[in-house]
Amino acid sequence: MNLKIIKVGNSKGLRIPKTILDEYQIEDNVEVTLKKDCIELRPKNTPRQNWKEQFKLMTDNDDDELLIPDVFEDEEI
């Protein structure tokens, strides 16, 4: 696939087609890795993104069980 480099102010830019943005879930930011013979673009993942909504769903579905015990066998209660 060939993409055209465009002028953006004093810089240059690259237009990425919407189908590629959608397929790789790229929204606002990408990570850029410069390699010897290529430039690698990856979606910028935000750790813990949507956790609040997921925790609410777990609570609503009564699916919020502990995965490890809150008291250990060698612990005095």
C-alpha atoms as a PDB file:
ATOM      1  CA  MET A   1       0.000   0.000   0.000  1.00  0.00           C
ATOM      2  CA  ASN A   2       1.366   3.389  -0.934  1.00  0.00           C
ATOM      3  CA  LEU A   3       0.411   6.399   1.165  1.00  0.00           C
ATOM      4  CA  LYS A   4       1.128   9.976   0.200  1.00  0.00           C
ATOM      5  CA  ILE A   5       3.146  12.267   2.475  1.00  0.00           C
ATOM      6  CA  ILE A   6       1.304  15.568   2.924  1.00  0.00           C
ATOM      7  CA  LYS A   7       2.323  18.995   4.182  1.00  0.00           C
ATOM      8  CA  VAL A   8       1.023  19.861   7.652  1.00  0.00           C
ATOM      9  CA  GLY A   9       2.165  23.345   8.629  1.00  0.00           C
ATOM     10  CA  ASN A  10       5.970  23.318   8.620  1.00  0.00           C
ATOM     11  CA  SER A  11       5.992  19.531   8.992  1.00  0.00           C
ATOM     12  CA  LYS A  12       4.914  16.608   6.884  1.00  0.00           C
ATOM     13  CA  GLY A  13       2.303  14.023   7.715  1.00  0.00           C
ATOM     14  CA  LEU A  14       0.913  10.700   6.667  1.00  0.00           C
ATOM     15  CA  ARG A  15      -2.782  10.046   6.083  1.00  0.00           C
ATOM     16  CA  ILE A  16      -3.849   6.663   7.410  1.00  0.00           C
ATOM     17  CA  PRO A  17      -7.080   5.325   5.882  1.00  0.00           C
ATOM     18  CA  LYS A  18     -10.071   4.948   8.201  1.00  0.00           C
ATOM     19  CA  THR A  19     -10.276   1.206   7.529  1.00  0.00           C
ATOM     20  CA  ILE A  20      -6.756   0.755   8.932  1.00  0.00           C
ATOM     21  CA  LEU A  21      -7.497   3.005  11.914  1.00  0.00           C
ATOM     22  CA  ASP A  22     -10.621   0.986  12.684  1.00  0.00           C
ATOM     23  CA  GLU A  23      -8.967  -2.407  12.189  1.00  0.00           C
ATOM     24  CA  TYR A  24      -6.098  -1.614  14.562  1.00  0.00           C
ATOM     25  CA  GLN A  25      -8.248   0.450  16.951  1.00  0.00           C
ATOM     26  CA  ILE A  26      -6.114   3.555  16.537  1.00  0.00           C
ATOM     27  CA  GLU A  27      -7.823   6.616  17.962  1.00  0.00           C
ATOM     28  CA  ASP A  28      -5.761   9.624  18.986  1.00  0.00           C
ATOM     29  CA  ASN A  29      -2.202   8.426  19.602  1.00  0.00           C
ATOM     30  CA  VAL A  30       0.261   5.899  18.240  1.00  0.00           C
ATOM     31  CA  GLU A  31       3.590   4.638  19.537  1.00  0.00           C
ATOM     32  CA  VAL A  32       6.374   5.100  17.013  1.00  0.00           C
ATOM     33  CA  THR A  33       9.391   2.782  17.015  1.00  0.00           C
ATOM     34  CA  LEU A  34      12.263   3.611  14.704  1.00  0.00           C
ATOM     35  CA  LYS A  35      13.999   0.485  13.448  1.00  0.00           C
ATOM     36  CA  LYS A  36      16.959   0.003  11.164  1.00  0.00           C
ATOM     37  CA  ASP A  37      14.914  -0.373   7.988  1.00  0.00           C
ATOM     38  CA  CYS A  38      11.385   0.692   8.926  1.00  0.00           C
ATOM     39  CA  ILE A  39       9.136   2.830  11.106  1.00  0.00           C
ATOM     40  CA  GLU A  40       6.708   0.835  13.246  1.00  0.00           C
ATOM     41  CA  LEU A  41       3.390   2.345  14.346  1.00  0.00           C
ATOM     42  CA  ARG A  42       1.320   0.755  17.111  1.00  0.00           C
ATOM     43  CA  PRO A  43      -1.901   1.871  18.767  1.00  0.00           C
ATOM     44  CA  LYS A  44      -1.147   3.662  22.029  1.00  0.00           C
ATOM     45  CA  ASN A  45      -2.738   1.472  24.649  1.00  0.00           C
ATOM     46  CA  THR A  46      -3.970   3.103  27.808  1.00  0.00           C
ATOM     47  CA  PRO A  47      -3.551   0.772  30.791  1.00  0.00           C
ATOM     48  CA  ARG A  48      -6.682   0.327  32.854  1.00  0.00           C
ATOM     49  CA  GLN A  49      -8.806   1.965  30.192  1.00  0.00           C
ATOM     50  CA  ASN A  50     -12.517   1.258  30.801  1.00  0.00           C
ATOM     51  CA  TRP A  51     -11.816  -0.471  34.133  1.00  0.00           C
ATOM     52  CA  LYS A  52     -14.440   1.594  35.930  1.00  0.00           C
ATOM     53  CA  GLU A  53     -17.165   0.470  33.518  1.00  0.00           C
ATOM     54  CA  GLN A  54     -15.971  -3.152  33.641  1.00  0.00           C
ATOM     55  CA  PHE A  55     -15.998  -3.198  37.458  1.00  0.00           C
ATOM     56  CA  LYS A  56     -19.515  -1.785  37.444  1.00  0.00           C
ATOM     57  CA  LEU A  57     -20.636  -4.521  35.038  1.00  0.00           C
ATOM     58  CA  MET A  58     -19.053  -7.164  37.273  1.00  0.00           C
ATOM     59  CA  THR A  59     -20.897  -5.784  40.282  1.00  0.00           C
ATOM     60  CA  ASP A  60     -24.182  -5.532  38.392  1.00  0.00           C
ATOM     61  CA  ASN A  61     -23.817  -9.150  37.198  1.00  0.00           C
ATOM     62  CA  ASP A  62     -22.810 -10.364  40.679  1.00  0.00           C
ATOM     63  CA  ASP A  63     -19.549 -11.552  39.177  1.00  0.00           C
ATOM     64  CA  ASP A  64     -17.115  -9.839  41.526  1.00  0.00           C
ATOM     65  CA  GLU A  65     -15.782 -12.781  43.532  1.00  0.00           C
ATOM     66  CA  LEU A  66     -12.346 -12.715  45.122  1.00  0.00           C
ATOM     67  CA  LEU A  67      -9.673 -14.540  43.149  1.00  0.00           C
ATOM     68  CA  ILE A  68      -7.410 -14.912  46.164  1.00  0.00           C
ATOM     69  CA  PRO A  69      -8.506 -15.234  49.787  1.00  0.00           C
ATOM     70  CA  ASP A  70      -8.456 -12.065  51.847  1.00  0.00           C
ATOM     71  CA  VAL A  71      -7.134 -14.051  54.848  1.00  0.00           C
ATOM     72  CA  PHE A  72      -4.204 -16.446  54.562  1.00  0.00           C
ATOM     73  CA  GLU A  73      -3.903 -19.704  56.493  1.00  0.00           C
ATOM     74  CA  ASP A  74      -0.885 -18.556  58.509  1.00  0.00           C
ATOM     75  CA  GLU A  75      -2.525 -15.266  59.415  1.00  0.00           C
ATOM     76  CA  GLU A  76      -4.222 -14.726  62.769  1.00  0.00           C
ATOM     77  CA  ILE A  77      -7.737 -13.389  62.561  1.00  0.00           C
END
